C-alpha atoms as a PDB file:
ATOM      1  CA  UNK A   1     -14.681 -10.861  11.271  1.00  0.00           C
ATOM      2  CA  UNK A   2     -18.035  -9.063  11.016  1.00  0.00           C
ATOM      3  CA  UNK A   3     -17.831  -8.199  14.705  1.00  0.00           C
ATOM      4  CA  UNK A   4     -14.389  -6.698  14.138  1.00  0.00           C
ATOM      5  CA  UNK A   5     -15.649  -4.419  11.348  1.00  0.00           C
ATOM      6  CA  UNK A   6     -18.754  -3.469  13.327  1.00  0.00           C
ATOM      7  CA  UNK A   7     -16.679  -2.654  16.415  1.00  0.00           C
ATOM      8  CA  UNK A   8     -14.197  -0.653  14.320  1.00  0.00           C
ATOM      9  CA  UNK A   9     -17.044   1.301  12.706  1.00  0.00           C
ATOM     10  CA  UNK A  10     -18.623   2.067  16.063  1.00  0.00           C
ATOM     11  CA  UNK A  11     -15.272   3.215  17.448  1.00  0.00           C
ATOM     12  CA  UNK A  12     -14.705   5.484  14.441  1.00  0.00           C
ATOM     13  CA  UNK A  13     -18.153   7.094  14.775  1.00  0.00           C
ATOM     14  CA  UNK A  14     -17.607   7.562  18.513  1.00  0.00           C
ATOM     15  CA  UNK A  15     -14.181   9.128  17.969  1.00  0.00           C
ATOM     16  CA  UNK A  16     -15.445  11.475  15.286  1.00  0.00           C
ATOM     17  CA  UNK A  17     -18.457  12.464  17.360  1.00  0.00           C
ATOM     18  CA  UNK A  18     -16.213  13.108  20.358  1.00  0.00           C
ATOM     19  CA  UNK A  19     -13.898  15.274  18.265  1.00  0.00           C
ATOM     20  CA  UNK A  20     -16.830  17.496  17.351  1.00  0.00           C
ATOM     21  CA  UNK A  21     -18.077  17.716  20.922  1.00  0.00           C
ATOM     22  CA  UNK A  22     -17.710  21.011  22.768  1.00  0.00           C
ATOM     23  CA  UNK A  23     -15.358  20.796  25.747  1.00  0.00           C
ATOM     24  CA  UNK A  24     -17.241  20.920  29.007  1.00  0.00           C
ATOM     25  CA  UNK A  25     -16.217  23.705  31.342  1.00  0.00           C
ATOM     26  CA  UNK A  26     -17.616  23.633  34.908  1.00  0.00           C
ATOM     27  CA  UNK A  27     -17.489  27.439  35.202  1.00  0.00           C
ATOM     28  CA  UNK A  28     -19.601  27.971  32.072  1.00  0.00           C
ATOM     29  CA  UNK A  29     -21.897  24.960  32.220  1.00  0.00           C
ATOM     30  CA  UNK A  30     -24.825  26.970  30.854  1.00  0.00           C
ATOM     31  CA  UNK A  31     -22.784  28.062  27.795  1.00  0.00           C
ATOM     32  CA  UNK A  32     -22.180  24.517  26.531  1.00  0.00           C
ATOM     33  CA  UNK A  33     -23.338  24.070  22.932  1.00  0.00           C
ATOM     34  CA  UNK A  34     -25.056  20.862  21.811  1.00  0.00           C
ATOM     35  CA  UNK A  35     -22.884  18.044  20.479  1.00  0.00           C
ATOM     36  CA  UNK A  36     -22.775  17.667  16.701  1.00  0.00           C
ATOM     37  CA  UNK A  37     -23.331  14.083  15.594  1.00  0.00           C
ATOM     38  CA  UNK A  38     -23.025  12.596  12.127  1.00  0.00           C
ATOM     39  CA  UNK A  39     -23.763   9.161  10.808  1.00  0.00           C
ATOM     40  CA  UNK A  40     -21.051   7.035   9.196  1.00  0.00           C
ATOM     41  CA  UNK A  41     -22.808   7.468   5.831  1.00  0.00           C
ATOM     42  CA  UNK A  42     -22.656  11.278   6.195  1.00  0.00           C
ATOM     43  CA  UNK A  43     -18.982  11.125   7.111  1.00  0.00           C
ATOM     44  CA  UNK A  44     -18.191   8.885   4.126  1.00  0.00           C
ATOM     45  CA  UNK A  45     -20.194  11.092   1.757  1.00  0.00           C
ATOM     46  CA  UNK A  46     -18.473  14.200   3.104  1.00  0.00           C
ATOM     47  CA  UNK A  47     -15.083  12.557   2.657  1.00  0.00           C
ATOM     48  CA  UNK A  48     -15.887  11.493  -0.900  1.00  0.00           C
ATOM     49  CA  UNK A  49     -17.040  15.012  -1.802  1.00  0.00           C
ATOM     50  CA  UNK A  50     -14.007  16.732  -0.314  1.00  0.00           C
ATOM     51  CA  UNK A  51     -11.331  14.265  -1.357  1.00  0.00           C
ATOM     52  CA  UNK A  52     -11.840  11.966  -4.321  1.00  0.00           C
ATOM     53  CA  UNK A  53      -8.419  10.470  -3.597  1.00  0.00           C
ATOM     54  CA  UNK A  54      -9.184   9.380  -0.042  1.00  0.00           C
ATOM     55  CA  UNK A  55      -8.370   5.830   0.995  1.00  0.00           C
ATOM     56  CA  UNK A  56     -11.512   3.816   1.599  1.00  0.00           C
ATOM     57  CA  UNK A  57     -12.463   3.256   5.236  1.00  0.00           C
ATOM     58  CA  UNK A  58     -13.004  -0.388   4.259  1.00  0.00           C
ATOM     59  CA  UNK A  59      -9.392  -0.606   3.084  1.00  0.00           C
ATOM     60  CA  UNK A  60      -8.275   0.953   6.366  1.00  0.00           C
ATOM     61  CA  UNK A  61     -10.248  -1.699   8.287  1.00  0.00           C
ATOM     62  CA  UNK A  62      -8.908  -4.520   6.096  1.00  0.00           C
ATOM     63  CA  UNK A  63      -5.358  -3.261   6.533  1.00  0.00           C
ATOM     64  CA  UNK A  64      -5.829  -3.210  10.323  1.00  0.00           C
ATOM     65  CA  UNK A  65      -6.953  -6.831  10.113  1.00  0.00           C
ATOM     66  CA  UNK A  66      -4.131  -7.875   7.740  1.00  0.00           C
ATOM     67  CA  UNK A  67      -1.326  -6.054   9.600  1.00  0.00           C
ATOM     68  CA  UNK A  68      -2.278  -5.580  13.272  1.00  0.00           C
ATOM     69  CA  UNK A  69       1.245  -5.050  14.659  1.00  0.00           C
ATOM     70  CA  UNK A  70       2.680  -2.329  12.413  1.00  0.00           C
ATOM     71  CA  UNK A  71       3.706   1.260  13.136  1.00  0.00           C
ATOM     72  CA  UNK A  72       4.307   4.521  11.239  1.00  0.00           C
ATOM     73  CA  UNK A  73       1.284   4.007   8.987  1.00  0.00           C
ATOM     74  CA  UNK A  74       0.589   6.386   6.072  1.00  0.00           C
ATOM     75  CA  UNK A  75      -2.433   6.054   3.774  1.00  0.00           C
ATOM     76  CA  UNK A  76      -2.426   7.309   0.161  1.00  0.00           C
ATOM     77  CA  UNK A  77      -4.463   6.867  -2.996  1.00  0.00           C
ATOM     78  CA  UNK A  78      -2.650   6.382  -6.340  1.00  0.00           C
ATOM     79  CA  UNK A  79      -4.517   5.836  -9.588  1.00  0.00           C
ATOM     80  CA  UNK A  80      -6.903   3.009  -8.775  1.00  0.00           C
ATOM     81  CA  UNK A  81      -5.045   1.568  -5.783  1.00  0.00           C
ATOM     82  CA  UNK A  82      -4.979   2.317  -2.086  1.00  0.00           C
ATOM     83  CA  UNK A  83      -1.351   2.475  -0.984  1.00  0.00           C
ATOM     84  CA  UNK A  84      -0.384   2.026   2.644  1.00  0.00           C
ATOM     85  CA  UNK A  85       3.185   2.520   3.838  1.00  0.00           C
ATOM     86  CA  UNK A  86       4.092   1.110   7.229  1.00  0.00           C
ATOM     87  CA  UNK A  87       6.980  -0.122   9.370  1.00  0.00           C
ATOM     88  CA  UNK A  88       7.254  -3.743  10.459  1.00  0.00           C
ATOM     89  CA  UNK A  89      10.255  -5.108  12.352  1.00  0.00           C
ATOM     90  CA  UNK A  90      12.179  -1.903  11.635  1.00  0.00           C
ATOM     91  CA  UNK A  91      11.653  -2.128   7.835  1.00  0.00           C
ATOM     92  CA  UNK A  92       9.543   0.200   5.729  1.00  0.00           C
ATOM     93  CA  UNK A  93       7.012  -1.691   3.604  1.00  0.00           C
ATOM     94  CA  UNK A  94       4.188  -0.803   1.252  1.00  0.00           C
ATOM     95  CA  UNK A  95       0.868  -2.611   0.827  1.00  0.00           C
ATOM     96  CA  UNK A  96      -1.348  -2.208  -2.244  1.00  0.00           C
ATOM     97  CA  UNK A  97      -5.120  -2.708  -2.081  1.00  0.00           C
ATOM     98  CA  UNK A  98      -7.509  -2.907  -5.043  1.00  0.00           C
ATOM     99  CA  UNK A  99     -10.903  -1.225  -5.388  1.00  0.00           C
ATOM    100  CA  UNK A 100     -12.498  -4.220  -3.663  1.00  0.00           C
ATOM    101  CA  UNK A 101     -10.386  -3.440  -0.568  1.00  0.00           C
ATOM    102  CA  UNK A 102      -8.413  -6.655  -1.064  1.00  0.00           C
ATOM    103  CA  UNK A 103      -4.673  -6.877  -0.592  1.00  0.00           C
ATOM    104  CA  UNK A 104      -2.942  -7.130  -3.990  1.00  0.00           C
ATOM    105  CA  UNK A 105       0.525  -7.514  -2.536  1.00  0.00           C
ATOM    106  CA  UNK A 106       3.302  -5.916  -0.554  1.00  0.00           C
ATOM    107  CA  UNK A 107       6.626  -4.353  -1.498  1.00  0.00           C
ATOM    108  CA  UNK A 108       9.730  -4.571   0.641  1.00  0.00           C
ATOM    109  CA  UNK A 109      13.000  -2.768  -0.119  1.00  0.00           C
ATOM    110  CA  UNK A 110      15.889  -5.182  -0.569  1.00  0.00           C
ATOM    111  CA  UNK A 111      19.497  -5.139  -1.755  1.00  0.00           C
ATOM    112  CA  UNK A 112      21.377  -6.977  -4.508  1.00  0.00           C
ATOM    113  CA  UNK A 113      22.706  -9.385  -1.874  1.00  0.00           C
ATOM    114  CA  UNK A 114      19.138 -10.572  -1.241  1.00  0.00           C
ATOM    115  CA  UNK A 115      18.849 -11.874  -4.820  1.00  0.00           C
ATOM    116  CA  UNK A 116      19.756 -15.480  -5.614  1.00  0.00           C
ATOM    117  CA  UNK A 117      23.496 -15.776  -6.398  1.00  0.00           C
ATOM    118  CA  UNK A 118      22.960 -16.804 -10.043  1.00  0.00           C
ATOM    119  CA  UNK A 119      20.788 -13.712 -10.615  1.00  0.00           C
ATOM    120  CA  UNK A 120      23.453 -11.452  -9.124  1.00  0.00           C
ATOM    121  CA  UNK A 121      26.066 -12.969 -11.460  1.00  0.00           C
ATOM    122  CA  UNK A 122      23.856 -12.688 -14.558  1.00  0.00           C
ATOM    123  CA  UNK A 123      22.935  -9.053 -13.854  1.00  0.00           C
ATOM    124  CA  UNK A 124      26.594  -8.116 -13.237  1.00  0.00           C
ATOM    125  CA  UNK A 125      27.588  -9.760 -16.531  1.00  0.00           C
ATOM    126  CA  UNK A 126      24.703  -8.727 -18.853  1.00  0.00           C
ATOM    127  CA  UNK A 127      24.174  -5.236 -17.433  1.00  0.00           C
ATOM    128  CA  UNK A 128      27.753  -4.220 -16.576  1.00  0.00           C
ATOM    129  CA  UNK A 129      27.213  -0.695 -17.944  1.00  0.00           C
ATOM    130  CA  UNK A 130      24.269  -0.106 -15.569  1.00  0.00           C
ATOM    131  CA  UNK A 131      24.176   0.897 -11.918  1.00  0.00           C
ATOM    132  CA  UNK A 132      21.671  -0.590  -9.499  1.00  0.00           C
ATOM    133  CA  UNK A 133      19.266   2.092  -8.308  1.00  0.00           C
ATOM    134  CA  UNK A 134      16.817   0.041  -6.290  1.00  0.00           C
ATOM    135  CA  UNK A 135      15.845  -3.549  -5.492  1.00  0.00           C
ATOM    136  CA  UNK A 136      12.379  -4.416  -4.208  1.00  0.00           C
ATOM    137  CA  UNK A 137      10.555  -7.638  -3.545  1.00  0.00           C
ATOM    138  CA  UNK A 138       6.908  -7.826  -4.517  1.00  0.00           C
ATOM    139  CA  UNK A 139       4.963 -10.444  -2.574  1.00  0.00           C
ATOM    140  CA  UNK A 140       1.727 -11.112  -4.435  1.00  0.00           C
ATOM    141  CA  UNK A 141      -1.398 -11.987  -2.495  1.00  0.00           C
ATOM    142  CA  UNK A 142      -2.307 -15.269  -4.176  1.00  0.00           C
ATOM    143  CA  UNK A 143      -5.668 -15.243  -2.365  1.00  0.00           C
ATOM    144  CA  UNK A 144      -6.821 -12.172  -4.304  1.00  0.00           C
ATOM    145  CA  UNK A 145      -8.413 -13.915  -7.279  1.00  0.00           C
ATOM    146  CA  UNK A 146      -9.810 -10.691  -8.770  1.00  0.00           C
ATOM    147  CA  UNK A 147      -6.272  -9.366  -9.105  1.00  0.00           C
ATOM    148  CA  UNK A 148      -5.084 -12.588 -10.712  1.00  0.00           C
ATOM    149  CA  UNK A 149      -8.066 -12.779 -13.080  1.00  0.00           C
ATOM    150  CA  UNK A 150      -7.900  -9.148 -14.162  1.00  0.00           C
ATOM    151  CA  UNK A 151      -4.120  -9.260 -14.666  1.00  0.00           C
ATOM    152  CA  UNK A 152      -4.176  -5.582 -13.827  1.00  0.00           C
ATOM    153  CA  UNK A 153      -1.086  -3.457 -13.626  1.00  0.00           C
ATOM    154  CA  UNK A 154       1.569  -3.740 -11.011  1.00  0.00           C
ATOM    155  CA  UNK A 155       0.963  -0.432  -9.295  1.00  0.00           C
ATOM    156  CA  UNK A 156       4.620   0.529  -9.094  1.00  0.00           C
ATOM    157  CA  UNK A 157       5.886  -0.326 -12.636  1.00  0.00           C
ATOM    158  CA  UNK A 158       2.950  -0.172 -15.035  1.00  0.00           C
ATOM    159  CA  UNK A 159       1.023  -2.695 -17.095  1.00  0.00           C
ATOM    160  CA  UNK A 160       1.820  -6.328 -16.553  1.00  0.00           C
ATOM    161  CA  UNK A 161       0.127  -9.678 -16.288  1.00  0.00           C
ATOM    162  CA  UNK A 162       2.611 -10.616 -13.572  1.00  0.00           C
ATOM    163  CA  UNK A 163       0.850 -11.826 -10.443  1.00  0.00           C
ATOM    164  CA  UNK A 164       3.502 -13.847  -8.658  1.00  0.00           C
ATOM    165  CA  UNK A 165       6.081 -12.865  -6.088  1.00  0.00           C
ATOM    166  CA  UNK A 166       9.312 -11.569  -7.634  1.00  0.00           C
ATOM    167  CA  UNK A 167      12.205  -9.213  -7.136  1.00  0.00           C
ATOM    168  CA  UNK A 168      12.388  -6.086  -9.297  1.00  0.00           C
ATOM    169  CA  UNK A 169      15.738  -4.420  -9.950  1.00  0.00           C
ATOM    170  CA  UNK A 170      15.882  -0.842 -11.226  1.00  0.00           C
ATOM    171  CA  UNK A 171      19.029  -0.074 -13.231  1.00  0.00           C
ATOM    172  CA  UNK A 172      20.312   3.138 -14.820  1.00  0.00           C
ATOM    173  CA  UNK A 173      23.212   3.685 -17.227  1.00  0.00           C
ATOM    174  CA  UNK A 174      25.406   6.748 -17.857  1.00  0.00           C
ATOM    175  CA  UNK A 175      22.943   8.008 -20.497  1.00  0.00           C
ATOM    176  CA  UNK A 176      20.206   8.000 -17.811  1.00  0.00           C
ATOM    177  CA  UNK A 177      18.410   5.148 -19.521  1.00  0.00           C
ATOM    178  CA  UNK A 178      16.504   3.373 -16.764  1.00  0.00           C
ATOM    179  CA  UNK A 179      15.228  -0.186 -17.004  1.00  0.00           C
ATOM    180  CA  UNK A 180      13.626  -2.678 -14.663  1.00  0.00           C
ATOM    181  CA  UNK A 181      14.510  -6.356 -14.511  1.00  0.00           C
ATOM    182  CA  UNK A 182      12.290  -9.007 -12.976  1.00  0.00           C
ATOM    183  CA  UNK A 183      14.068 -11.681 -10.971  1.00  0.00           C
ATOM    184  CA  UNK A 184      12.206 -14.808  -9.972  1.00  0.00           C
ATOM    185  CA  UNK A 185      12.604 -16.176  -6.482  1.00  0.00           C
ATOM    186  CA  UNK A 186      14.615 -19.059  -7.939  1.00  0.00           C
ATOM    187  CA  UNK A 187      16.986 -16.700  -9.792  1.00  0.00           C
ATOM    188  CA  UNK A 188      15.732 -16.370 -13.380  1.00  0.00           C
ATOM    189  CA  UNK A 189      16.326 -12.853 -14.764  1.00  0.00           C
ATOM    190  CA  UNK A 190      14.188 -11.200 -17.434  1.00  0.00           C
ATOM    191  CA  UNK A 191      13.675  -7.709 -18.815  1.00  0.00           C
ATOM    192  CA  UNK A 192      10.517  -6.190 -17.355  1.00  0.00           C
ATOM    193  CA  UNK A 193      10.105  -2.592 -18.552  1.00  0.00           C
ATOM    194  CA  UNK A 194      11.791   0.682 -19.443  1.00  0.00           C
ATOM    195  CA  UNK A 195      11.334   3.540 -16.997  1.00  0.00           C
ATOM    196  CA  UNK A 196      10.148   6.873 -18.285  1.00  0.00           C
END
């Protein structure tokens, strides 16, 4: 694993150095300016000074290790989480990383039909005056003990001590009151939060 991070770091420095290099032109060989080189520490410091909301290079490396076969990758920083959106098997997914560059969990868009049948029935009965806006599945990373110990917020719905995998169903009524239900993988339905 250390070799992977070292190799990735070396590749990044090489790529950045190459991007700063002056193109070599045979006709004007004497006019070539010296190559500008920067250390990884200088690049990281420069990035931190210019963009406080930049995703950590360590998170980028960890993501590459966690999800090697994904496409359409987009990196963002939200509050105190690194958020990475990507495509896997034709589906758009989102991964959340904490400040220790550890995977907190992933979110996958789903539909009502993906919920256990008893949950679908209960939601239809108890929340008949609401319309389903969105269904997502949050897969918690049970290996991330710091996330479990801190009981920090679920990055997409606010404060919660919830650290297990669940479905979340966003509902809205005619008065534009929006709520979120939590549905366990075995079908239990509970109120989670009110959307603002």
